[in-house]
Amino acid sequence: MKVYKVKVNNKVYEVEVEAVDEVKGSIETPAEPVKAEKVVSEGANSILAPIAGKVLEIKVKPGDMVAKGQTVAIIEAMKLENEIQSAFDGKVKDIVVGPGADVRNKDVLIVLE
């Protein structure tokens, strides 16, 4: 078993690699898959910022109907524009932030009813 360090998106990971032969090689995996956390909603009524950044645009207004997967806002983070999508259907009740606002991870952006 060899241990290697791998750098992905400026984050360093340690990876164990085992040499196996073609005939009897196997891969052991954990019981539960590891999931990346990307929270975009809380409960059934709030769309949260999945990253910290500056709000460039809000693409909905109070009273609009929103479909699951619809882009509702754009946040700039690290010079990249990130489309924020709703995790569920609903009607826009309130918009908590506006263009130019700085938001942190998990800040409420939009409230649906």
C-alpha atoms as a PDB file:
ATOM      1  CA  MET A   1       0.000   0.000   0.000  1.00  0.00           C
ATOM      2  CA  LYS A   2       1.394   3.390  -0.995  1.00  0.00           C
ATOM      3  CA  VAL A   3       0.177   6.776   0.172  1.00  0.00           C
ATOM      4  CA  TYR A   4       0.128   9.676  -2.276  1.00  0.00           C
ATOM      5  CA  LYS A   5      -0.823  13.303  -1.848  1.00  0.00           C
ATOM      6  CA  VAL A   6      -3.140  14.668  -4.548  1.00  0.00           C
ATOM      7  CA  LYS A   7      -3.981  18.342  -5.009  1.00  0.00           C
ATOM      8  CA  VAL A   8      -7.444  19.137  -6.419  1.00  0.00           C
ATOM      9  CA  ASN A   9      -8.713  22.737  -6.604  1.00  0.00           C
ATOM     10  CA  ASN A  10      -5.930  23.843  -4.253  1.00  0.00           C
ATOM     11  CA  LYS A  11      -6.980  21.297  -1.589  1.00  0.00           C
ATOM     12  CA  VAL A  12      -4.565  18.482  -0.702  1.00  0.00           C
ATOM     13  CA  TYR A  13      -5.901  14.937  -0.175  1.00  0.00           C
ATOM     14  CA  GLU A  14      -4.034  11.823   0.966  1.00  0.00           C
ATOM     15  CA  VAL A  15      -4.841   8.780  -1.157  1.00  0.00           C
ATOM     16  CA  GLU A  16      -3.904   5.181  -0.400  1.00  0.00           C
ATOM     17  CA  VAL A  17      -3.151   3.095  -3.469  1.00  0.00           C
ATOM     18  CA  GLU A  18      -2.789  -0.666  -3.427  1.00  0.00           C
ATOM     19  CA  ALA A  19      -1.279  -2.627  -6.292  1.00  0.00           C
ATOM     20  CA  VAL A  20      -3.525  -5.495  -7.418  1.00  0.00           C
ATOM     21  CA  ASP A  21      -3.223  -8.018 -10.182  1.00  0.00           C
ATOM     22  CA  GLU A  22      -5.894  -8.373 -12.855  1.00  0.00           C
ATOM     23  CA  VAL A  23      -7.159 -11.747 -11.704  1.00  0.00           C
ATOM     24  CA  LYS A  24      -7.919 -11.149  -8.031  1.00  0.00           C
ATOM     25  CA  GLY A  25      -8.075  -7.386  -7.613  1.00  0.00           C
ATOM     26  CA  SER A  26     -10.789  -5.836  -5.481  1.00  0.00           C
ATOM     27  CA  ILE A  27     -11.707  -2.413  -4.198  1.00  0.00           C
ATOM     28  CA  GLU A  28     -12.959  -1.837  -0.680  1.00  0.00           C
ATOM     29  CA  THR A  29     -15.358   1.059  -0.259  1.00  0.00           C
ATOM     30  CA  PRO A  30     -16.891   2.559   2.866  1.00  0.00           C
ATOM     31  CA  ALA A  31     -20.401   1.419   3.807  1.00  0.00           C
ATOM     32  CA  GLU A  32     -21.854   4.863   3.085  1.00  0.00           C
ATOM     33  CA  PRO A  33     -20.658   7.006   0.195  1.00  0.00           C
ATOM     34  CA  VAL A  34     -19.052  10.289   1.157  1.00  0.00           C
ATOM     35  CA  LYS A  35     -21.241  13.194   0.060  1.00  0.00           C
ATOM     36  CA  ALA A  36     -20.094  16.741  -0.599  1.00  0.00           C
ATOM     37  CA  GLU A  37     -22.119  19.232   1.410  1.00  0.00           C
ATOM     38  CA  LYS A  38     -23.792  21.829  -0.753  1.00  0.00           C
ATOM     39  CA  VAL A  39     -26.738  23.194   1.160  1.00  0.00           C
ATOM     40  CA  VAL A  40     -29.080  25.313  -0.945  1.00  0.00           C
ATOM     41  CA  SER A  41     -32.269  25.055   1.081  1.00  0.00           C
ATOM     42  CA  GLU A  42     -33.397  24.837   4.657  1.00  0.00           C
ATOM     43  CA  GLY A  43     -36.762  23.440   5.620  1.00  0.00           C
ATOM     44  CA  ALA A  44     -39.343  23.938   2.909  1.00  0.00           C
ATOM     45  CA  ASN A  45     -39.127  27.671   2.510  1.00  0.00           C
ATOM     46  CA  SER A  46     -35.628  29.162   2.405  1.00  0.00           C
ATOM     47  CA  ILE A  47     -33.070  29.196  -0.388  1.00  0.00           C
ATOM     48  CA  LEU A  48     -29.595  29.571   1.132  1.00  0.00           C
ATOM     49  CA  ALA A  49     -26.293  30.736  -0.296  1.00  0.00           C
ATOM     50  CA  PRO A  50     -24.159  27.625  -0.894  1.00  0.00           C
ATOM     51  CA  ILE A  51     -21.001  29.794  -0.956  1.00  0.00           C
ATOM     52  CA  ALA A  52     -19.770  33.127   0.309  1.00  0.00           C
ATOM     53  CA  GLY A  53     -19.614  35.915  -2.235  1.00  0.00           C
ATOM     54  CA  LYS A  54     -21.314  38.977  -3.700  1.00  0.00           C
ATOM     55  CA  VAL A  55     -24.861  38.848  -5.057  1.00  0.00           C
ATOM     56  CA  LEU A  56     -24.750  39.936  -8.699  1.00  0.00           C
ATOM     57  CA  GLU A  57     -28.367  39.363  -9.650  1.00  0.00           C
ATOM     58  CA  ILE A  58     -31.684  38.164  -8.233  1.00  0.00           C
ATOM     59  CA  LYS A  59     -33.649  36.541 -11.062  1.00  0.00           C
ATOM     60  CA  VAL A  60     -37.062  36.426  -9.338  1.00  0.00           C
ATOM     61  CA  LYS A  61     -39.382  38.879  -7.596  1.00  0.00           C
ATOM     62  CA  PRO A  62     -42.017  38.510  -4.844  1.00  0.00           C
ATOM     63  CA  GLY A  63     -45.046  36.647  -6.151  1.00  0.00           C
ATOM     64  CA  ASP A  64     -43.140  34.699  -8.836  1.00  0.00           C
ATOM     65  CA  MET A  65     -43.590  30.932  -8.994  1.00  0.00           C
ATOM     66  CA  VAL A  66     -40.290  29.023  -8.766  1.00  0.00           C
ATOM     67  CA  ALA A  67     -39.709  25.497 -10.061  1.00  0.00           C
ATOM     68  CA  LYS A  68     -37.220  23.036  -8.617  1.00  0.00           C
ATOM     69  CA  GLY A  69     -33.881  23.535 -10.388  1.00  0.00           C
ATOM     70  CA  GLN A  70     -34.723  27.050 -11.585  1.00  0.00           C
ATOM     71  CA  THR A  71     -31.933  29.633 -11.292  1.00  0.00           C
ATOM     72  CA  VAL A  72     -33.035  32.264  -8.764  1.00  0.00           C
ATOM     73  CA  ALA A  73     -29.824  34.226  -8.180  1.00  0.00           C
ATOM     74  CA  ILE A  74     -26.219  34.660  -9.279  1.00  0.00           C
ATOM     75  CA  ILE A  75     -23.404  34.985  -6.742  1.00  0.00           C
ATOM     76  CA  GLU A  76     -19.836  35.920  -7.640  1.00  0.00           C
ATOM     77  CA  ALA A  77     -17.224  34.035  -5.641  1.00  0.00           C
ATOM     78  CA  MET A  78     -13.515  33.982  -6.420  1.00  0.00           C
ATOM     79  CA  LYS A  79     -14.154  35.774  -9.748  1.00  0.00           C
ATOM     80  CA  LEU A  80     -16.597  33.067 -10.872  1.00  0.00           C
ATOM     81  CA  GLU A  81     -20.319  33.543 -11.393  1.00  0.00           C
ATOM     82  CA  ASN A  82     -22.329  30.813  -9.666  1.00  0.00           C
ATOM     83  CA  GLU A  83     -25.971  30.179 -10.550  1.00  0.00           C
ATOM     84  CA  ILE A  84     -28.034  29.472  -7.431  1.00  0.00           C
ATOM     85  CA  GLN A  85     -30.927  27.113  -8.066  1.00  0.00           C
ATOM     86  CA  SER A  86     -33.999  26.356  -5.994  1.00  0.00           C
ATOM     87  CA  ALA A  87     -34.148  22.917  -4.396  1.00  0.00           C
ATOM     88  CA  PHE A  88     -37.959  22.870  -4.514  1.00  0.00           C
ATOM     89  CA  ASP A  89     -41.073  24.423  -6.048  1.00  0.00           C
ATOM     90  CA  GLY A  90     -42.816  27.391  -4.438  1.00  0.00           C
ATOM     91  CA  LYS A  91     -43.942  30.994  -4.629  1.00  0.00           C
ATOM     92  CA  VAL A  92     -41.502  33.795  -3.763  1.00  0.00           C
ATOM     93  CA  LYS A  93     -42.618  35.306  -0.458  1.00  0.00           C
ATOM     94  CA  ASP A  94     -39.605  37.506   0.323  1.00  0.00           C
ATOM     95  CA  ILE A  95     -36.209  38.406  -1.100  1.00  0.00           C
ATOM     96  CA  VAL A  96     -33.778  38.891   1.781  1.00  0.00           C
ATOM     97  CA  VAL A  97     -30.753  40.192  -0.161  1.00  0.00           C
ATOM     98  CA  GLY A  98     -30.280  42.357  -3.206  1.00  0.00           C
ATOM     99  CA  PRO A  99     -27.649  42.906  -5.888  1.00  0.00           C
ATOM    100  CA  GLY A 100     -24.342  44.079  -4.409  1.00  0.00           C
ATOM    101  CA  ALA A 101     -24.921  42.407  -1.029  1.00  0.00           C
ATOM    102  CA  ASP A 102     -22.119  40.321   0.460  1.00  0.00           C
ATOM    103  CA  VAL A 103     -23.354  36.943   1.688  1.00  0.00           C
ATOM    104  CA  ARG A 104     -21.796  34.148   3.690  1.00  0.00           C
ATOM    105  CA  ASN A 105     -22.271  30.421   3.285  1.00  0.00           C
ATOM    106  CA  LYS A 106     -25.799  29.393   4.361  1.00  0.00           C
ATOM    107  CA  ASP A 107     -27.172  32.974   4.525  1.00  0.00           C
ATOM    108  CA  VAL A 108     -30.852  33.126   3.532  1.00  0.00           C
ATOM    109  CA  LEU A 109     -31.304  34.609   0.053  1.00  0.00           C
ATOM    110  CA  ILE A 110     -34.968  34.021  -0.776  1.00  0.00           C
ATOM    111  CA  VAL A 111     -37.981  32.824   1.226  1.00  0.00           C
ATOM    112  CA  LEU A 112     -40.664  30.771  -0.538  1.00  0.00           C
ATOM    113  CA  GLU A 113     -44.160  29.893   0.609  1.00  0.00           C
END
